[in-house]
């Protein structure tokens, strides 16, 4: 059976009324429970994920906000075929009640 271990931490700083900056860091390890055969490699697959996120958020109201964020995600696998690096820039508008 697969096992996932995760550790996440973050900081949010309110530097003006309604304005926040934030950063999040995460490490995740995923161990697969079955042996795999990929590109002449045979064994138990294990992936390590490292991610960091930085952003700026503006709260228009208690129930409405807008956020601009950058996310860096890196997956390192013991099967090199599954390695990747991802860079994302997102703009999010949130309405909640």
Protein backbone atom coordinates (compact mmCIF):
# COMPACT_ATOMS: atom_id res chain seq x y z
CA UNK A 1 0.00 0.00 0.00
CA UNK A 2 1.20 3.55 -0.71
CA UNK A 3 2.49 5.79 2.09
CA UNK A 4 2.71 9.59 2.00
CA UNK A 5 4.64 11.74 4.47
CA UNK A 6 4.12 15.51 4.39
CA UNK A 7 5.56 18.50 6.24
CA UNK A 8 4.26 22.01 5.52
CA UNK A 9 4.89 25.40 7.05
CA UNK A 10 4.06 28.95 6.09
CA UNK A 11 4.09 32.56 7.14
CA UNK A 12 1.51 35.28 6.47
CA UNK A 13 2.28 38.90 7.26
CA UNK A 14 -0.38 41.64 7.36
CA UNK A 15 1.67 44.72 6.40
CA UNK A 16 -1.21 47.15 5.80
CA UNK A 17 -4.92 46.89 6.44
CA UNK A 18 -6.27 44.48 3.83
CA UNK A 19 -2.79 43.66 2.36
CA UNK A 20 -0.96 40.40 3.12
CA UNK A 21 2.19 38.75 1.88
CA UNK A 22 2.66 35.05 2.40
CA UNK A 23 5.04 32.20 1.81
CA UNK A 24 4.51 28.44 2.13
CA UNK A 25 7.01 25.59 2.06
CA UNK A 26 6.19 21.91 1.69
CA UNK A 27 8.07 18.63 1.54
CA UNK A 28 6.18 15.47 0.61
CA UNK A 29 7.46 11.93 0.14
CA UNK A 30 5.30 9.33 -1.58
CA UNK A 31 6.30 5.67 -1.38
CA UNK A 32 4.41 3.41 -3.77
CA UNK A 33 3.48 -0.01 -2.46
CA UNK A 34 4.09 -2.00 -5.63
CA UNK A 35 7.18 -2.71 -7.68
CA UNK A 36 7.31 -0.96 -11.03
CA UNK A 37 9.17 -1.55 -14.27
CA UNK A 38 9.95 1.70 -16.07
CA UNK A 39 12.58 2.07 -18.82
CA UNK A 40 14.52 -1.04 -17.78
CA UNK A 41 14.48 0.00 -14.10
CA UNK A 42 12.71 -2.29 -11.64
CA UNK A 43 11.91 -1.51 -8.00
CA UNK A 44 9.69 0.32 -5.57
CA UNK A 45 9.00 3.85 -6.77
CA UNK A 46 9.62 6.74 -4.36
CA UNK A 47 8.90 10.40 -5.17
CA UNK A 48 10.11 13.45 -3.22
CA UNK A 49 8.25 16.74 -3.75
CA UNK A 50 9.63 20.15 -2.76
CA UNK A 51 7.48 23.23 -3.20
CA UNK A 52 7.59 26.86 -2.26
CA UNK A 53 4.95 29.51 -2.83
CA UNK A 54 5.14 33.31 -2.51
CA UNK A 55 2.24 35.67 -2.87
CA UNK A 56 0.39 38.89 -2.23
CA UNK A 57 -3.28 39.07 -1.21
CA UNK A 58 -5.68 41.99 -1.01
CA UNK A 59 -8.91 41.63 0.99
CA UNK A 60 -11.60 43.84 -0.54
CA UNK A 61 -14.12 42.68 2.02
CA UNK A 62 -14.24 39.90 4.61
CA UNK A 63 -15.83 37.67 1.95
CA UNK A 64 -13.93 38.85 -1.18
CA UNK A 65 -10.19 38.81 -1.97
CA UNK A 66 -7.70 38.77 -4.82
CA UNK A 67 -4.35 37.00 -4.79
CA UNK A 68 -1.25 36.92 -6.99
CA UNK A 69 1.09 33.99 -6.29
CA UNK A 70 4.13 32.18 -7.65
CA UNK A 71 4.58 28.44 -7.04
CA UNK A 72 7.76 26.41 -7.60
CA UNK A 73 7.30 22.63 -7.51
CA UNK A 74 10.03 20.00 -7.99
CA UNK A 75 9.46 16.25 -8.05
CA UNK A 76 12.47 13.96 -7.80
CA UNK A 77 11.78 10.26 -8.29
CA UNK A 78 14.07 7.26 -8.04
CA UNK A 79 12.76 6.57 -11.58
CA UNK A 80 14.15 9.52 -13.55
CA UNK A 81 11.27 9.38 -16.06
CA UNK A 82 8.97 10.94 -13.44
CA UNK A 83 11.20 13.91 -12.47
CA UNK A 84 9.83 17.36 -13.25
CA UNK A 85 10.02 21.03 -12.29
CA UNK A 86 6.97 23.28 -12.47
CA UNK A 87 6.69 27.08 -12.26
CA UNK A 88 3.21 28.61 -11.88
CA UNK A 89 2.00 32.18 -11.68
CA UNK A 90 -1.63 32.48 -10.60
CA UNK A 91 -4.14 35.28 -10.19
CA UNK A 92 -7.11 34.28 -8.05
CA UNK A 93 -10.30 36.11 -7.20
CA UNK A 94 -12.23 34.58 -4.30
CA UNK A 95 -15.83 35.09 -3.20
CA UNK A 96 -16.95 33.18 -0.11
CA UNK A 97 -19.77 33.16 2.38
